[in-house]
Every structure is written in structure tokens, then in C-alpha cells.
Amino acid sequence: MDHENGGRKPEVIVGSDEPKTHKSGHSCMYWGILLLLRFLALSATVLATLIMSLNKESKTMVVATIGTNPIKATLIAKFQNTPAFVFFVIVTSIVSFHNLVMLLTELFGHKFGFKGIKLLAMTLLDMGAVVLLSGATGGAASIAQLGKNGNTHARWNKICDKFEKYCSRGSGALIAALVGVILLLVLNVMSTIAIHKNTRSSSAH
């Protein structure tokens, strides 16, 4: 048979490049989803930072009365007055910078290699970002709840009935930060799965 075919062995073309093409398409889709989620996480944390850091409202109200003459004072509500909100702004700024660096790493990191190390480092950094952001958001949310409802047992009065815009904008910042936490969690899960797959692939070889 070899003599009849000119001494050449028949080429086996079953499957050819189809699995490679499928794998490449799957990788591109995964990378695209990763970039989209990272961009959304960056947008959420930047938005939370801007809203809270620019959150300020002033109101003139009667604080006392002497005889029939009301004494008025201008009161200002701003995030700097509450340590939990200051910490929130600091953390959201840090996490925003983290998301920006991670986004740039995803876009240009392939040029420098070290894929396994890069993926592990990004996963660990994302975990740290989730811990920081969830802690800051939880702390700020507890103070926001106190400002909205007060605490009758401690005799702390609510302020959101007087500074509606301030509280509304603060709530918006907290919602944006919570979205950022969820997106970072999703990214973390995706990175962990990718590491697991890479480990299994290395073990198989």
C-alpha cells in the first residue's frame, strides 16, 4: 500500500483545527466578559467615590428662640463629619485605583508573560479589594441607617428629615459601592475557576 501511494503515509485530518478554533473563541469571549466586568466594577467604585466625596448640603434653620425672635444658624452636612464616610471615600478610592491597574493589566499584561503568576496575584488582590470595600460599605451603611432612623434608646436624632438630598446622595454612593462589591466577587470567582482549570491542565500534562 505504501508503494502504491508513492511511499507517503496517509494524512489524518479528522478534527483538524476545529477544537483549537473553538478553544480560541471561548478564550476571547471569556476575556471580553472579564474586561466588561472589570470596567463596570471600576465605574461603580469611581462613581461611589465621587458621589460621597462631593456630598454636601447646607440648611438654615431655627436653633433657638429668644422671646419672639428666632435665632437661625446655617448647618452643613458633609462626609468629612463622619469617620465612617471618610473611610468609605478612602477605600473606594483605593479600590478604584486597584480596578484601573487590573484593567490595564488585562489589556496589556499578555505582553509580559507570567500568566500563572499574574492570575494568582490578581485573584489575591481582588480578594483584598472585596474585603476592604465590603467592610467600608457595611460601616458606612450602618451610619447611614442611623442618620435615617436615629436611635431612640441612645437618644440620637435622625437627620435625614432635615438633609434629604445629603442622605439621598449618600444612599446612591452606597448602592454603587455594593454593586462594585458584587462585581468584584464575580471576578474573583472567575479567576479562581481559571486557576483551578490551569492547575488541572498542568497536572494532566
Protein backbone atom coordinates (compact mmCIF):
# COMPACT_ATOMS: atom_id res chain seq x y z
CA MET A 1 0.00 0.00 0.00
CA ASP A 2 2.85 2.36 0.79
CA HIS A 3 4.33 1.63 -2.64
CA GLU A 4 1.03 2.40 -4.37
CA ASN A 5 0.74 5.71 -2.54
CA GLY A 6 4.22 6.72 -3.51
CA GLY A 7 5.71 5.82 -0.12
CA ARG A 8 3.72 8.53 1.65
CA LYS A 9 1.62 7.85 4.73
CA PRO A 10 -1.97 8.99 4.53
CA GLU A 11 -2.67 12.21 6.41
CA VAL A 12 -5.27 12.12 9.13
CA ILE A 13 -7.32 15.31 9.04
CA VAL A 14 -10.15 14.27 11.32
CA GLY A 15 -10.91 17.15 13.68
CA SER A 16 -8.16 19.30 12.09
CA ASP A 17 -8.17 22.75 13.76
CA GLU A 18 -11.79 22.80 14.95
CA PRO A 19 -11.03 22.20 18.66
CA LYS A 20 -8.34 24.90 18.55
CA THR A 21 -10.70 27.38 16.93
CA HIS A 22 -13.41 26.56 19.46
CA LYS A 23 -10.97 26.98 22.34
CA SER A 24 -9.70 30.28 20.93
CA GLY A 25 -13.25 31.60 20.54
CA HIS A 26 -14.10 30.55 24.09
CA SER A 27 -10.98 32.33 25.42
CA CYS A 28 -11.85 35.54 23.54
CA MET A 29 -15.39 35.51 24.92
CA TYR A 30 -14.09 34.88 28.47
CA TRP A 31 -11.56 37.72 28.10
CA GLY A 32 -14.28 40.06 26.79
CA ILE A 33 -16.58 39.26 29.73
CA LEU A 34 -13.68 39.77 32.13
CA LEU A 35 -12.89 43.20 30.67
CA LEU A 36 -16.56 44.24 30.76
CA LEU A 37 -16.98 43.21 34.40
CA ARG A 38 -13.74 44.95 35.36
CA PHE A 39 -14.80 48.15 33.59
CA LEU A 40 -18.20 48.05 35.33
CA ALA A 41 -16.52 47.47 38.70
CA LEU A 42 -14.20 50.43 38.06
CA SER A 43 -17.16 52.62 37.07
CA ALA A 44 -19.11 51.61 40.19
CA THR A 45 -16.29 52.36 42.63
CA VAL A 46 -15.34 55.64 40.92
CA LEU A 47 -19.00 56.70 41.00
CA ALA A 48 -19.25 55.80 44.70
CA THR A 49 -16.11 57.83 45.43
CA LEU A 50 -17.27 60.91 43.54
CA ILE A 51 -20.81 60.92 44.93
CA MET A 52 -19.72 60.55 48.55
CA SER A 53 -16.74 62.92 48.34
CA LEU A 54 -18.88 65.66 46.76
CA ASN A 55 -21.84 65.04 49.05
CA LYS A 56 -22.63 68.24 50.91
CA GLU A 57 -25.80 70.09 51.88
CA SER A 58 -26.35 73.25 53.92
CA LYS A 59 -29.57 74.43 55.50
CA THR A 60 -30.54 77.46 57.53
CA MET A 61 -32.87 76.58 60.37
CA VAL A 62 -34.10 77.89 63.68
CA VAL A 63 -31.95 76.59 66.53
CA ALA A 64 -33.37 78.66 69.40
CA THR A 65 -35.87 81.39 70.23
CA ILE A 66 -35.32 84.42 72.45
CA GLY A 67 -38.67 85.94 73.26
CA THR A 68 -40.36 86.15 69.89
CA ASN A 69 -37.12 86.38 67.95
CA PRO A 70 -35.95 83.14 66.32
CA ILE A 71 -32.23 82.51 66.20
CA LYS A 72 -31.17 80.90 62.94
CA ALA A 73 -27.99 79.08 62.07
CA THR A 74 -26.66 77.53 58.90
CA LEU A 75 -25.86 73.87 59.40
CA ILE A 76 -23.75 71.90 56.95
CA ALA A 77 -23.86 68.15 56.43
CA LYS A 78 -20.78 66.73 54.72
CA PHE A 79 -18.99 63.40 54.61
CA GLN A 80 -15.93 64.76 56.49
CA ASN A 81 -18.04 64.98 59.65
CA THR A 82 -18.40 61.18 59.84
CA PRO A 83 -15.31 58.94 60.17
CA ALA A 84 -17.15 56.00 58.56
CA PHE A 85 -17.83 58.08 55.44
CA VAL A 86 -14.22 59.32 55.34
CA PHE A 87 -13.03 55.71 55.50
CA PHE A 88 -15.55 54.84 52.77
CA VAL A 89 -14.12 57.50 50.43
CA ILE A 90 -10.54 56.38 51.12
CA VAL A 91 -11.34 52.72 50.48
CA THR A 92 -13.40 53.34 47.33
CA SER A 93 -10.52 55.47 46.00
CA ILE A 94 -8.04 52.66 46.68
CA VAL A 95 -10.31 50.03 45.10
CA SER A 96 -10.89 52.30 42.08
CA PHE A 97 -7.13 52.53 41.58
CA HIS A 98 -6.90 48.76 42.00
CA ASN A 99 -9.58 48.21 39.34
CA LEU A 100 -7.81 50.59 36.96
CA VAL A 101 -4.49 48.76 37.38
CA MET A 102 -6.20 45.39 36.91
CA LEU A 103 -7.96 46.64 33.77
CA LEU A 104 -4.67 47.85 32.29
CA THR A 105 -3.05 44.54 33.27
CA GLU A 106 -5.78 42.62 31.44
CA LEU A 107 -5.31 44.79 28.36
CA PHE A 108 -1.51 44.87 28.19
CA GLY A 109 -0.28 42.21 30.65
CA HIS A 110 -0.08 39.49 27.98
CA LYS A 111 2.99 41.24 26.54
CA PHE A 112 5.00 40.49 29.66
CA GLY A 113 4.14 36.80 30.13
CA PHE A 114 3.99 35.22 33.61
CA LYS A 115 0.36 34.24 33.06
CA GLY A 116 0.10 31.89 36.03
CA ILE A 117 1.71 34.33 38.46
CA LYS A 118 -0.35 37.22 37.07
CA LEU A 119 -3.62 35.34 37.50
CA LEU A 120 -2.79 34.31 41.07
CA ALA A 121 -1.69 37.85 42.01
CA MET A 122 -4.85 39.37 40.52
CA THR A 123 -7.03 36.88 42.39
CA LEU A 124 -5.36 37.64 45.73
CA LEU A 125 -5.56 41.41 45.14
CA ASP A 126 -9.23 41.11 44.20
CA MET A 127 -9.87 39.23 47.44
CA GLY A 128 -8.25 42.06 49.39
CA ALA A 129 -10.32 44.63 47.48
CA VAL A 130 -13.54 42.74 48.26
CA VAL A 131 -12.69 42.62 51.98
CA LEU A 132 -11.85 46.33 52.12
CA LEU A 133 -14.81 47.51 50.07
CA SER A 134 -17.39 45.32 51.80
CA GLY A 135 -16.12 46.43 55.22
CA ALA A 136 -16.19 50.13 54.31
CA THR A 137 -19.63 49.82 52.70
CA GLY A 138 -21.04 47.96 55.70
CA GLY A 139 -19.69 50.55 58.13
CA ALA A 140 -21.00 53.47 56.08
CA ALA A 141 -24.39 51.77 55.66
CA SER A 142 -24.79 51.36 59.42
CA ILE A 143 -24.15 55.08 59.97
CA ALA A 144 -26.50 55.94 57.10
CA GLN A 145 -29.22 53.84 58.72
CA LEU A 146 -28.63 55.70 61.97
CA GLY A 147 -28.93 59.03 60.18
CA LYS A 148 -32.16 57.92 58.55
CA ASN A 149 -33.94 56.43 61.57
CA GLY A 150 -31.98 57.67 64.57
CA ASN A 151 -31.69 55.65 67.79
CA THR A 152 -34.32 56.32 70.42
CA HIS A 153 -32.52 54.21 73.05
CA ALA A 154 -29.32 56.27 72.74
CA ARG A 155 -31.34 59.46 72.10
CA TRP A 156 -29.67 60.05 68.76
CA ASN A 157 -31.91 62.06 66.50
CA LYS A 158 -32.27 61.30 62.81
CA ILE A 159 -31.01 63.91 60.35
CA CYS A 160 -32.38 62.68 57.03
CA ASP A 161 -35.66 64.51 57.63
CA LYS A 162 -33.64 67.74 57.56
CA PHE A 163 -30.94 66.88 54.99
CA GLU A 164 -32.89 64.87 52.42
CA LYS A 165 -30.55 65.47 49.48
CA TYR A 166 -27.47 64.62 51.52
CA CYS A 167 -28.96 61.30 52.62
CA SER A 168 -30.28 60.52 49.15
CA ARG A 169 -26.88 61.06 47.53
CA GLY A 170 -25.20 59.06 50.29
CA SER A 171 -27.57 56.16 49.60
CA GLY A 172 -26.64 56.35 45.92
CA ALA A 173 -22.94 56.09 46.79
CA LEU A 174 -23.60 53.05 48.98
CA ILE A 175 -25.60 51.33 46.22
CA ALA A 176 -22.79 51.96 43.72
CA ALA A 177 -20.24 50.53 46.17
CA LEU A 178 -22.43 47.47 46.77
CA VAL A 179 -22.59 46.88 43.01
CA GLY A 180 -18.79 47.16 42.97
CA VAL A 181 -18.54 44.50 45.71
CA ILE A 182 -20.78 42.11 43.76
CA LEU A 183 -18.82 42.61 40.53
CA LEU A 184 -15.51 42.05 42.31
CA LEU A 185 -16.89 38.85 43.83
CA VAL A 186 -17.89 37.62 40.37
CA LEU A 187 -14.42 38.47 39.02
CA ASN A 188 -12.86 36.66 41.95
CA VAL A 189 -14.91 33.54 41.30
CA MET A 190 -13.98 33.62 37.60
CA SER A 191 -10.27 33.97 38.42
CA THR A 192 -10.44 31.13 40.94
CA ILE A 193 -12.09 28.85 38.37
CA ALA A 194 -9.43 29.80 35.80
CA ILE A 195 -6.65 28.94 38.27
CA HIS A 196 -8.32 25.60 39.00
CA LYS A 197 -8.54 24.81 35.28
CA ASN A 198 -4.90 25.77 34.71
CA THR A 199 -3.83 23.56 37.63
CA ARG A 200 -5.78 20.59 36.26
CA SER A 201 -4.35 21.17 32.79
CA SER A 202 -0.78 21.27 34.16
CA SER A 203 -1.38 18.09 36.17
CA ALA A 204 -2.72 16.30 33.08
CA HIS A 205 0.47 17.13 31.18
